[in-house]
Structure formats: C-alpha cells, structure tokens
Amino acid sequence: MNLTKNKWYRITDINGKKSKMRFISKMDMHGIIMYSFKEWGKTLIISEGSIVKIESYETITPDEQAREMGCWDEYKTYMMVNGKTLRNKYIYKTIFETKKQGA
C-alpha cells in the first residue's frame, strides 16, 4: 500500500482502536513491513498485519458549511445556523482494509 508522507490518516488497529495520525515512513524489517505514524507527542510503529483499516479523510469546517448553506452572515454573528451549533464534519475514504477470513 502506498501512503503519502506527512498526510493525515485514520488508522484502525486489530483491537478496534482508531487514531488520526500523520504518516512518516514505511520500513521493511527482515520481511515484516512496518509503518510509522506520528501525532504530536505520540509515535505509532505498527506492522502491516496489525492494521485493519486505513482511511484518508477530508475535514469540512463550520465556516465552509455555513457558506455552503448560504448562512454566512448568521453564522458570523451568532456562531450558529438555524439555532444549531456547527462542528467539523469528516468525509472518510478507505485506502486499505484487510479481507475478512472465510469471506
């Protein structure tokens, strides 16, 4: 699998834990492929076999949503649209997913 260096991904490991981290490098350690991800003070080095899913994602900010809805002035004044607070939305695209056994 080819990942872009310094791009952010959401990684799901075999325990089901999801982390949003930046891809750093890919290493081959005696036939075992390892991936290195980093997020602020944490570094994750994980083997290819321990990765269940990798997703790229796009963030849509509240400002972008308000502009798209045509409610920029209302959002700018009240930080709300139609009485609702907007928050970041994420659009995920699967890059890699392990195949399920027996399927």
C-alpha atoms as a PDB file:
ATOM      1  CA  MET A   1       0.000   0.000   0.000  1.00  0.00           C
ATOM      2  CA  ASN A   2       1.290   3.439  -0.893  1.00  0.00           C
ATOM      3  CA  LEU A   3       0.709   6.259   1.576  1.00  0.00           C
ATOM      4  CA  THR A   4       1.678   9.909   1.139  1.00  0.00           C
ATOM      5  CA  LYS A   5       4.344  11.163   3.538  1.00  0.00           C
ATOM      6  CA  ASN A   6       3.126  13.831   6.023  1.00  0.00           C
ATOM      7  CA  LYS A   7      -0.555  13.241   5.142  1.00  0.00           C
ATOM      8  CA  TRP A   8      -3.052  12.532   7.926  1.00  0.00           C
ATOM      9  CA  TYR A   9      -4.880   9.184   8.022  1.00  0.00           C
ATOM     10  CA  ARG A  10      -7.277   7.408  10.371  1.00  0.00           C
ATOM     11  CA  ILE A  11      -5.814   4.032  11.343  1.00  0.00           C
ATOM     12  CA  THR A  12      -7.862   1.193  12.859  1.00  0.00           C
ATOM     13  CA  ASP A  13      -5.760  -1.487  14.581  1.00  0.00           C
ATOM     14  CA  ILE A  14      -6.655  -5.121  15.347  1.00  0.00           C
ATOM     15  CA  ASN A  15      -8.092  -4.098  18.744  1.00  0.00           C
ATOM     16  CA  GLY A  16     -10.546  -1.725  17.034  1.00  0.00           C
ATOM     17  CA  LYS A  17      -8.795   1.420  18.290  1.00  0.00           C
ATOM     18  CA  LYS A  18      -8.975   4.314  15.820  1.00  0.00           C
ATOM     19  CA  SER A  19      -6.289   7.001  15.714  1.00  0.00           C
ATOM     20  CA  LYS A  20      -5.854  10.013  13.454  1.00  0.00           C
ATOM     21  CA  MET A  21      -2.152  10.264  12.753  1.00  0.00           C
ATOM     22  CA  ARG A  22       0.321  11.597  10.191  1.00  0.00           C
ATOM     23  CA  PHE A  23       2.226   9.052   8.060  1.00  0.00           C
ATOM     24  CA  ILE A  24       6.007   9.298   8.454  1.00  0.00           C
ATOM     25  CA  SER A  25       7.658   6.291   6.802  1.00  0.00           C
ATOM     26  CA  LYS A  26       7.439   2.671   5.677  1.00  0.00           C
ATOM     27  CA  MET A  27      10.169   0.192   6.696  1.00  0.00           C
ATOM     28  CA  ASP A  28      10.984  -3.397   5.801  1.00  0.00           C
ATOM     29  CA  MET A  29      12.429  -5.146   8.857  1.00  0.00           C
ATOM     30  CA  HIS A  30      13.519  -8.656   7.830  1.00  0.00           C
ATOM     31  CA  GLY A  31      10.468  -9.231   5.645  1.00  0.00           C
ATOM     32  CA  ILE A  32       7.986  -7.577   8.006  1.00  0.00           C
ATOM     33  CA  ILE A  33       6.544  -4.329   6.673  1.00  0.00           C
ATOM     34  CA  MET A  34       6.280  -1.657   9.372  1.00  0.00           C
ATOM     35  CA  TYR A  35       4.600   1.746   9.168  1.00  0.00           C
ATOM     36  CA  SER A  36       5.473   4.761  11.289  1.00  0.00           C
ATOM     37  CA  PHE A  37       2.791   7.334  12.180  1.00  0.00           C
ATOM     38  CA  LYS A  38       3.077  10.403  14.411  1.00  0.00           C
ATOM     39  CA  GLU A  39       0.640  12.636  16.279  1.00  0.00           C
ATOM     40  CA  TRP A  40       2.032  15.491  18.372  1.00  0.00           C
ATOM     41  CA  GLY A  41       3.903  13.693  21.169  1.00  0.00           C
ATOM     42  CA  LYS A  42       2.914  10.137  20.220  1.00  0.00           C
ATOM     43  CA  THR A  43       4.572   7.862  17.684  1.00  0.00           C
ATOM     44  CA  LEU A  44       2.963   4.654  16.444  1.00  0.00           C
ATOM     45  CA  ILE A  45       5.036   1.962  14.754  1.00  0.00           C
ATOM     46  CA  ILE A  46       2.739  -0.791  13.556  1.00  0.00           C
ATOM     47  CA  SER A  47       3.170  -3.850  11.352  1.00  0.00           C
ATOM     48  CA  GLU A  48       1.066  -4.280   8.230  1.00  0.00           C
ATOM     49  CA  GLY A  49      -0.587  -7.356   9.770  1.00  0.00           C
ATOM     50  CA  SER A  50      -1.852  -5.332  12.743  1.00  0.00           C
ATOM     51  CA  ILE A  51      -3.656  -2.775  10.591  1.00  0.00           C
ATOM     52  CA  VAL A  52      -7.328  -3.490   9.930  1.00  0.00           C
ATOM     53  CA  LYS A  53      -8.143  -0.321   8.010  1.00  0.00           C
ATOM     54  CA  ILE A  54      -6.503   2.908   6.825  1.00  0.00           C
ATOM     55  CA  GLU A  55      -8.676   5.808   5.707  1.00  0.00           C
ATOM     56  CA  SER A  56      -7.838   9.213   4.292  1.00  0.00           C
ATOM     57  CA  TYR A  57     -10.164  11.976   5.384  1.00  0.00           C
ATOM     58  CA  GLU A  58     -11.271  15.448   4.435  1.00  0.00           C
ATOM     59  CA  THR A  59     -12.364  17.979   7.056  1.00  0.00           C
ATOM     60  CA  ILE A  60     -15.253  20.359   6.387  1.00  0.00           C
ATOM     61  CA  THR A  61     -15.111  23.280   8.818  1.00  0.00           C
ATOM     62  CA  PRO A  62     -18.147  25.097  10.248  1.00  0.00           C
ATOM     63  CA  ASP A  63     -17.201  28.176   8.184  1.00  0.00           C
ATOM     64  CA  GLU A  64     -17.309  26.140   4.963  1.00  0.00           C
ATOM     65  CA  GLN A  65     -20.638  24.578   5.944  1.00  0.00           C
ATOM     66  CA  ALA A  66     -22.211  27.990   6.705  1.00  0.00           C
ATOM     67  CA  ARG A  67     -21.037  29.385   3.369  1.00  0.00           C
ATOM     68  CA  GLU A  68     -22.380  26.335   1.525  1.00  0.00           C
ATOM     69  CA  MET A  69     -25.760  26.715   3.254  1.00  0.00           C
ATOM     70  CA  GLY A  70     -25.877  30.432   2.378  1.00  0.00           C
ATOM     71  CA  CYS A  71     -26.000  31.418   6.054  1.00  0.00           C
ATOM     72  CA  TRP A  72     -22.569  33.036   6.430  1.00  0.00           C
ATOM     73  CA  ASP A  73     -23.877  36.304   7.956  1.00  0.00           C
ATOM     74  CA  GLU A  74     -25.971  34.451  10.544  1.00  0.00           C
ATOM     75  CA  TYR A  75     -23.043  32.179  11.417  1.00  0.00           C
ATOM     76  CA  LYS A  76     -20.618  35.098  11.615  1.00  0.00           C
ATOM     77  CA  THR A  77     -22.957  36.958  14.011  1.00  0.00           C
ATOM     78  CA  TYR A  78     -24.254  34.139  16.244  1.00  0.00           C
ATOM     79  CA  MET A  79     -21.796  31.288  15.570  1.00  0.00           C
ATOM     80  CA  MET A  80     -24.939  29.224  14.904  1.00  0.00           C
ATOM     81  CA  VAL A  81     -27.113  28.376  11.885  1.00  0.00           C
ATOM     82  CA  ASN A  82     -30.873  27.969  12.393  1.00  0.00           C
ATOM     83  CA  GLY A  83     -30.286  27.722  16.146  1.00  0.00           C
ATOM     84  CA  LYS A  84     -27.770  24.872  15.781  1.00  0.00           C
ATOM     85  CA  THR A  85     -24.056  24.936  16.528  1.00  0.00           C
ATOM     86  CA  LEU A  86     -21.982  23.626  13.647  1.00  0.00           C
ATOM     87  CA  ARG A  87     -18.963  21.393  14.150  1.00  0.00           C
ATOM     88  CA  ASN A  88     -16.314  19.836  11.940  1.00  0.00           C
ATOM     89  CA  LYS A  89     -17.505  17.119   9.581  1.00  0.00           C
ATOM     90  CA  TYR A  90     -15.229  14.412   8.239  1.00  0.00           C
ATOM     91  CA  ILE A  91     -15.510  12.553   4.957  1.00  0.00           C
ATOM     92  CA  TYR A  92     -13.600   9.248   5.047  1.00  0.00           C
ATOM     93  CA  LYS A  93     -12.257   7.279   2.087  1.00  0.00           C
ATOM     94  CA  THR A  94     -10.897   3.754   2.651  1.00  0.00           C
ATOM     95  CA  ILE A  95      -7.324   3.328   1.389  1.00  0.00           C
ATOM     96  CA  PHE A  96      -6.640  -0.152   2.789  1.00  0.00           C
ATOM     97  CA  GLU A  97      -8.774  -2.785   4.524  1.00  0.00           C
ATOM     98  CA  THR A  98      -7.907  -6.362   5.450  1.00  0.00           C
ATOM     99  CA  LYS A  99     -10.009  -9.084   3.939  1.00  0.00           C
ATOM    100  CA  LYS A 100     -12.214 -10.979   6.361  1.00  0.00           C
ATOM    101  CA  GLN A 101     -11.459 -14.648   6.916  1.00  0.00           C
ATOM    102  CA  GLY A 102     -13.934 -17.070   5.337  1.00  0.00           C
ATOM    103  CA  ALA A 103     -15.490 -14.434   3.081  1.00  0.00           C
END
